[in-house]
Structure formats: C-alpha cells, structure tokens
Protein backbone atom coordinates (compact mmCIF):
# COMPACT_ATOMS: atom_id res chain seq x y z
CA MET A 1 0.00 0.00 0.00
CA VAL A 2 2.96 2.32 0.54
CA VAL A 3 4.12 1.69 -3.04
CA THR A 4 0.50 2.07 -4.22
CA GLY A 5 0.32 5.50 -2.60
CA LEU A 6 3.61 6.58 -4.18
CA CYS A 7 2.39 5.45 -7.61
CA PHE A 8 -0.90 7.34 -7.31
CA ILE A 9 0.95 10.45 -6.18
CA GLY A 10 3.15 9.96 -9.25
CA VAL A 11 -0.01 9.98 -11.38
CA GLN A 12 -1.18 13.23 -9.79
CA ALA A 13 2.22 14.91 -10.04
CA THR A 14 2.60 13.99 -13.73
CA VAL A 15 -0.89 15.23 -14.63
CA LYS A 16 -0.26 18.41 -12.63
CA HIS A 17 3.04 18.90 -14.47
CA LEU A 18 1.24 18.65 -17.83
CA GLY A 19 -1.11 21.39 -16.67
CA PRO A 20 -3.89 22.92 -18.78
CA GLY A 21 -1.86 22.76 -22.00
CA MET A 22 -4.03 19.88 -23.19
CA PRO A 23 -7.82 19.59 -22.81
CA PRO A 24 -8.78 17.28 -19.90
CA ALA A 25 -10.79 14.91 -22.12
CA GLU A 26 -7.88 14.52 -24.54
CA SER A 27 -5.40 13.94 -21.69
CA ALA A 28 -7.67 11.28 -20.22
CA PHE A 29 -8.22 9.64 -23.61
CA LEU A 30 -4.51 9.43 -24.44
CA ARG A 31 -3.73 8.11 -20.96
CA TYR A 32 -6.17 5.21 -21.44
CA LEU A 33 -5.24 4.67 -25.09
CA LEU A 34 -1.55 4.38 -24.23
CA GLY A 35 -2.44 2.16 -21.26
CA LEU A 36 -4.07 -0.43 -23.54
CA VAL A 37 -0.62 -1.91 -24.08
CA PHE A 38 -0.87 -3.35 -20.55
CA LEU A 39 -3.91 -5.38 -21.62
CA ILE A 40 -1.87 -7.60 -23.97
CA PRO A 41 -1.35 -10.35 -21.34
CA MET A 42 -5.13 -10.33 -20.65
CA TRP A 43 -6.15 -10.72 -24.30
CA PRO A 44 -6.38 -14.57 -24.38
CA GLU A 45 -8.69 -14.62 -21.35
CA LEU A 46 -10.73 -11.75 -22.76
CA ARG A 47 -11.24 -13.67 -26.02
CA ARG A 48 -12.38 -16.77 -24.11
CA ALA A 49 -14.92 -14.82 -22.04
CA GLN A 50 -18.48 -15.42 -23.15
CA LEU A 51 -20.17 -12.16 -22.19
CA THR A 52 -23.95 -12.07 -21.87
CA ARG A 53 -26.10 -9.19 -23.03
CA ARG A 54 -26.44 -8.12 -19.39
CA ALA A 55 -22.65 -8.14 -18.99
CA TRP A 56 -22.22 -5.97 -22.08
CA ALA A 57 -24.83 -3.54 -20.73
CA LEU A 58 -23.12 -3.27 -17.34
CA PHE A 59 -19.65 -2.89 -18.87
CA THR A 60 -21.01 -0.15 -21.14
CA LEU A 61 -22.60 1.61 -18.16
CA ARG A 62 -19.39 1.39 -16.18
CA GLY A 63 -17.33 2.71 -19.10
CA ALA A 64 -19.61 5.73 -19.54
CA VAL A 65 -19.61 6.59 -15.83
CA GLN A 66 -15.87 6.04 -15.44
CA ALA A 67 -15.13 8.17 -18.51
CA GLY A 68 -17.09 11.10 -17.09
CA ALA A 69 -15.35 10.72 -13.74
CA VAL A 70 -11.91 10.62 -15.37
CA ILE A 71 -12.59 13.82 -17.32
CA CYS A 72 -13.69 15.55 -14.11
CA TRP A 73 -10.59 14.27 -12.30
CA PHE A 74 -8.18 15.50 -14.99
CA TYR A 75 -9.95 18.89 -14.96
CA ALA A 76 -9.76 19.12 -11.16
CA MET A 77 -6.03 18.43 -11.25
CA THR A 78 -5.52 21.58 -13.35
CA ARG A 79 -7.62 23.75 -11.03
CA ILE A 80 -7.05 22.81 -7.37
CA THR A 81 -4.16 21.61 -5.25
CA ILE A 82 -2.88 18.03 -5.24
CA ALA A 83 -3.68 17.79 -1.51
CA GLU A 84 -7.31 18.79 -2.10
CA VAL A 85 -7.70 16.24 -4.90
CA THR A 86 -6.20 13.53 -2.68
CA ALA A 87 -8.30 14.40 0.37
CA MET A 88 -11.57 14.64 -1.59
CA ASN A 89 -10.77 11.36 -3.32
CA TYR A 90 -10.90 9.69 0.12
CA MET A 91 -14.71 10.07 -0.11
CA ASN A 92 -14.87 7.27 -2.70
CA PRO A 93 -15.32 4.46 -0.10
CA ILE A 94 -18.01 6.52 1.64
CA TYR A 95 -19.98 6.93 -1.58
CA ILE A 96 -19.47 3.22 -2.27
CA THR A 97 -20.86 2.34 1.17
CA LEU A 98 -23.93 4.51 0.59
CA GLY A 99 -24.39 3.17 -2.92
CA ALA A 100 -24.15 -0.42 -1.70
CA ALA A 101 -26.91 0.31 0.81
CA LEU A 102 -29.15 2.01 -1.75
CA PHE A 103 -28.65 -0.26 -4.75
CA LEU A 104 -27.22 -3.55 -3.47
CA GLY A 105 -29.35 -3.87 -0.34
CA GLU A 106 -26.46 -3.82 2.16
CA ARG A 107 -27.46 -2.82 5.70
CA LEU A 108 -26.23 0.41 7.31
CA ALA A 109 -25.82 0.11 11.07
CA ALA A 110 -25.82 3.13 13.39
CA ARG A 111 -22.03 3.09 13.85
CA ARG A 112 -21.46 3.03 10.11
CA MET A 113 -23.91 5.93 9.66
CA ALA A 114 -21.99 7.89 12.29
CA ALA A 115 -18.73 7.23 10.41
CA ILE A 116 -20.34 8.41 7.17
CA GLY A 117 -21.49 11.58 8.92
CA LEU A 118 -17.94 12.17 10.18
CA ALA A 119 -16.60 11.74 6.64
CA PHE A 120 -19.04 14.33 5.26
CA LEU A 121 -17.98 16.70 8.04
CA GLY A 122 -14.40 16.20 6.87
CA ALA A 123 -15.44 17.03 3.30
CA LEU A 124 -17.13 20.24 4.49
CA ILE A 125 -13.97 21.21 6.38
CA ILE A 126 -11.93 20.74 3.20
CA LEU A 127 -14.33 22.77 1.04
CA ARG A 128 -15.37 25.33 3.70
CA PRO A 129 -18.31 26.72 1.66
CA GLY A 130 -19.20 30.25 2.70
CA TYR A 131 -15.72 30.91 4.08
CA ARG A 132 -13.94 30.90 0.74
CA ALA A 133 -14.82 30.91 -2.95
CA LEU A 134 -15.13 27.41 -4.35
CA ASP A 135 -13.35 26.70 -7.62
CA PRO A 136 -15.02 24.71 -10.43
CA GLY A 137 -12.29 22.16 -9.76
CA HIS A 138 -13.83 21.42 -6.35
CA PHE A 139 -17.19 20.59 -7.92
CA ALA A 140 -15.46 18.56 -10.63
CA MET A 141 -13.71 16.51 -7.94
CA ILE A 142 -17.02 15.84 -6.16
CA PHE A 143 -18.49 14.49 -9.41
CA ALA A 144 -15.29 12.52 -10.06
CA ALA A 145 -15.47 10.79 -6.68
CA LEU A 146 -19.17 10.00 -7.18
CA GLY A 147 -18.44 8.64 -10.66
CA PHE A 148 -15.57 6.44 -9.50
CA ALA A 149 -17.73 5.07 -6.68
CA SER A 150 -20.58 4.28 -9.09
CA ALA A 151 -18.18 2.54 -11.48
CA TYR A 152 -16.80 0.48 -8.59
CA LEU A 153 -20.29 -0.68 -7.63
CA VAL A 154 -20.90 -1.88 -11.20
CA ALA A 155 -17.53 -3.65 -11.17
CA LYS A 156 -18.44 -5.31 -7.88
CA ARG A 157 -21.53 -6.76 -9.55
CA MET A 158 -19.43 -8.09 -12.43
CA THR A 159 -16.66 -9.76 -10.41
CA GLY A 160 -19.03 -12.59 -9.53
CA GLU A 161 -19.72 -13.32 -13.20
CA VAL A 162 -16.39 -12.93 -15.03
CA ALA A 163 -12.68 -13.08 -14.17
CA PRO A 164 -11.10 -9.97 -12.58
CA SER A 165 -8.74 -9.57 -15.55
CA VAL A 166 -11.78 -9.39 -17.86
CA VAL A 167 -13.35 -6.71 -15.64
CA VAL A 168 -10.14 -4.63 -15.79
CA ALA A 169 -9.69 -5.10 -19.53
CA MET A 170 -13.30 -4.23 -20.38
CA MET A 171 -13.12 -1.14 -18.20
CA SER A 172 -10.01 0.12 -19.99
CA ILE A 173 -11.47 -0.58 -23.44
CA MET A 174 -14.88 0.95 -22.72
CA VAL A 175 -13.44 4.06 -21.09
CA THR A 176 -11.16 4.61 -24.07
CA VAL A 177 -14.14 4.30 -26.45
CA PHE A 178 -16.31 6.71 -24.47
CA LEU A 179 -13.51 9.27 -24.08
CA ALA A 180 -12.73 9.30 -27.82
CA PRO A 181 -15.57 11.61 -29.00
CA PHE A 182 -14.94 14.11 -26.19
CA ALA A 183 -11.23 14.16 -27.03
CA MET A 184 -11.87 14.61 -30.77
CA ALA A 185 -14.32 17.48 -30.13
CA ASP A 186 -11.49 19.63 -28.73
CA TRP A 187 -8.37 17.99 -30.13
CA VAL A 188 -4.97 19.61 -29.76
CA ALA A 189 -2.06 17.87 -31.49
CA PRO A 190 0.08 16.45 -28.66
CA SER A 191 3.85 16.66 -28.69
CA LEU A 192 6.06 13.61 -28.22
CA THR A 193 6.98 14.95 -24.78
CA GLN A 194 3.33 15.13 -23.74
CA LEU A 195 2.74 11.59 -25.01
CA ALA A 196 5.74 10.37 -23.02
CA TRP A 197 4.40 11.99 -19.84
CA LEU A 198 0.95 10.46 -20.38
CA PHE A 199 2.48 7.03 -20.92
CA LEU A 200 4.26 7.54 -17.60
CA VAL A 201 0.84 8.26 -16.05
CA ALA A 202 -0.43 4.93 -17.44
CA CYS A 203 2.63 3.14 -16.02
CA PHE A 204 2.14 4.68 -12.57
CA ALA A 205 -1.59 3.92 -12.56
CA THR A 206 -1.20 0.31 -13.70
CA THR A 207 1.57 -0.39 -11.18
CA GLY A 208 -0.43 1.27 -8.41
CA HIS A 209 -3.53 -0.85 -9.06
CA TYR A 210 -1.44 -4.02 -9.26
CA MET A 211 0.33 -3.28 -5.97
CA MET A 212 -3.01 -2.47 -4.35
CA THR A 213 -4.34 -5.87 -5.45
CA LEU A 214 -1.31 -7.55 -3.85
CA ALA A 215 -1.92 -5.61 -0.64
CA PHE A 216 -5.58 -6.66 -0.53
CA GLN A 217 -4.51 -10.30 -0.96
CA ALA A 218 -1.94 -10.02 1.85
CA ALA A 219 -3.95 -8.17 4.52
CA PRO A 220 -7.53 -7.14 5.38
CA MET A 221 -8.91 -3.73 4.43
CA ALA A 222 -8.72 -2.58 8.06
CA VAL A 223 -4.93 -2.89 7.80
CA THR A 224 -4.42 -1.49 4.30
CA GLN A 225 -6.81 1.48 4.42
CA PRO A 226 -5.00 3.56 7.12
CA VAL A 227 -1.77 3.34 5.12
CA THR A 228 -3.44 5.32 2.31
CA PHE A 229 -3.43 8.34 4.62
CA LEU A 230 0.26 8.69 3.74
CA GLN A 231 -0.89 9.82 0.29
CA LEU A 232 -2.26 13.04 1.78
CA ILE A 233 1.04 13.76 3.51
CA TRP A 234 3.04 13.09 0.35
CA ALA A 235 0.57 15.07 -1.76
CA SER A 236 0.81 18.09 0.56
CA LEU A 237 4.62 17.96 0.57
CA LEU A 238 4.82 17.45 -3.20
CA GLY A 239 2.41 20.31 -3.90
CA TRP A 240 4.44 22.58 -1.64
CA LEU A 241 7.91 21.60 -2.86
CA ALA A 242 7.28 21.06 -6.59
CA PHE A 243 4.34 23.34 -7.41
CA GLY A 244 4.45 26.04 -4.75
CA GLU A 245 1.06 25.07 -3.29
CA PRO A 246 0.71 26.17 0.36
CA ILE A 247 0.02 23.42 2.89
CA ASP A 248 -3.57 23.91 4.08
CA GLY A 249 -4.07 22.64 7.62
CA TRP A 250 -7.83 22.49 7.11
CA VAL A 251 -7.41 20.17 4.13
CA VAL A 252 -5.14 17.88 6.15
CA PHE A 253 -7.56 17.93 9.10
CA GLY A 254 -10.59 17.23 6.90
CA GLY A 255 -8.74 14.45 5.10
CA THR A 256 -7.78 12.94 8.44
CA LEU A 257 -11.44 12.82 9.51
CA ILE A 258 -12.45 11.16 6.23
CA MET A 259 -9.63 8.65 6.44
CA GLY A 260 -10.54 7.86 10.05
CA ALA A 261 -14.15 7.21 9.02
CA VAL A 262 -13.07 5.00 6.09
CA SER A 263 -10.71 3.03 8.35
CA PHE A 264 -13.47 2.51 10.92
CA ILE A 265 -15.88 1.21 8.26
CA ALA A 266 -13.18 -1.18 6.96
CA TRP A 267 -12.48 -2.37 10.51
CA ARG A 268 -16.20 -2.95 11.20
CA GLU A 269 -16.57 -4.94 7.97
CA MET A 270 -13.62 -7.12 8.97
CA ARG A 271 -15.13 -7.71 12.43
CA LEU A 272 -18.56 -8.57 11.01
CA LYS A 273 -17.04 -11.06 8.55
CA ALA A 274 -15.04 -12.67 11.35
CA GLU A 275 -17.97 -13.05 13.77
CA PRO A 276 -19.65 -16.07 12.06
CA SER A 277 -16.39 -18.02 11.93
CA GLN A 278 -15.63 -17.14 15.56
CA SER A 279 -19.06 -18.33 16.73
CA THR A 280 -18.66 -21.54 14.70
CA THR A 281 -15.28 -22.16 16.31
CA SER A 282 -16.57 -21.55 19.82
CA ASN A 283 -19.60 -23.77 19.25
CA GLY A 284 -17.40 -26.54 17.92
C-alpha cells in the first residue's frame, strides 16, 4: 500500500506537471489509449470470455460513468491543489458504502452511519463553503469521486460473473471508447513529450492498481486502508515543494477525519465477517 500510494501520487504529479496545455478529455483519452498496451497479457482470457447481453450492458454503463469521472478528475487536477484532490478522493469508499446500501441492499448500522457523517464533516472542512470561494475544480472533484464510486459498484456486480482480468480489460477498453468523441471534439495535437508523460501516467496507474491488489490479498482492508493516509502527507509535501502550493491545515484535518471514518468502516466490515467463523469455532 505504501508503493501504491507513491504510484498514485506519481499519477497526480505527472498530470499536474502537464497542466492545462491539453484539454482534460484529450489527456484522459490518451492516458487510457496508451495504457491499452498493458492489456496484452489479458487478451487470451478476454477472447475466451463469453459475455452475456447483461454483462455488455453493465460494462457499457461502467465505461460511460468512469469516462465522465476521469474527465472531471483531470480537470480538477488543473484547477485545485494536489492535496485537495487527494483528500476529496478519500470520499470514494463513503460513496461506495452509501451506494451499496441504496442499490445492493447492504445494511447500514448506526455506527457506520456515524462514520459516514464524520466523513461528510471532513469534506465540508476541506471545502469550507461560505468561508472561501469554491473553484469549479472542487465541484469537478465531487463528481469525479461520485463517478468512481458508481463505477466500482458496477464492477463489484461483475466480479461474480467474469474473471477480474476481464473486468479490468473491459473497463479500460470501454473508457477509451467513451472518451474518444470528447477528445476529438477539442483535439490539440500532442507533442512527443506530452505523449511520453501520459504514458508515464499509465505506467504509474497500472503499477499502483497491481500493488493495491497484492496488498488486498496479503492483509484485510482494516490494515491497508489507514496506510493510504500517507498519500495526503506526500501530496501536501509534493504540492508545496514542486508546485508552490501552500500546505492547508484544514485540508489535512478534513482528510484525516475522512480517512478515520473510512478506516473505521473497513475495521467494522472485517469484524462482522469474522464473527460467524468465531461463533462456529466456539460452538465446535
């Protein structure tokens, strides 16, 4: 998870370095297009997959939602600080928890509701509406986090039907397809340097997701989630040292509250999953 955090910070730093010189939709499209090279090892399994009409519909829905979220994320990176993007991105698990309750029928206990309330308080502390002018990048990041959470919920539905590699490959392909018309509508010829930077983004992102998968296999979410808080520290330091962004104590404080709420939810889920096995052991 430490390496995962460093990779995702690398993604943010590279996109921030590119700046607004390229439209967000085009940057996102080229990042996914260049990243398709990492799907080559998955191609045999993708060809063997017999996708139903329902699977195609869900993959299409996920691709559309993820594409919109990616455009919003790339736009936010050109407008607000790296620390703000990182802290607001911590809301993804909260939106996923709410979405799972609304659409997948998962139960929300009182403690989990309290944690969700604490997370939203953290988000308000980061944004501080009424105390400062909100940038369009803040609203874009809210929509990005909601979009990523929605895409995750669709992916969660699909993991029980097809192999994880197929889920990843179909996501990459569909997002590339949906981003293409938005990129073409405002196309700016990229330089070789810009293409090289975007390929580096794809490398960072792919490595980060792979390392995160290894972490999830090695330890429960309650252990891995708190480590992601290091991303906010690194993001604040990177923004300050490399891009001259002042360290905002309110952003760090709000992000800490959100991360605390996410860690509590992960810990509660681990406890609830362990309770049946514990009772079975004690009864035996």
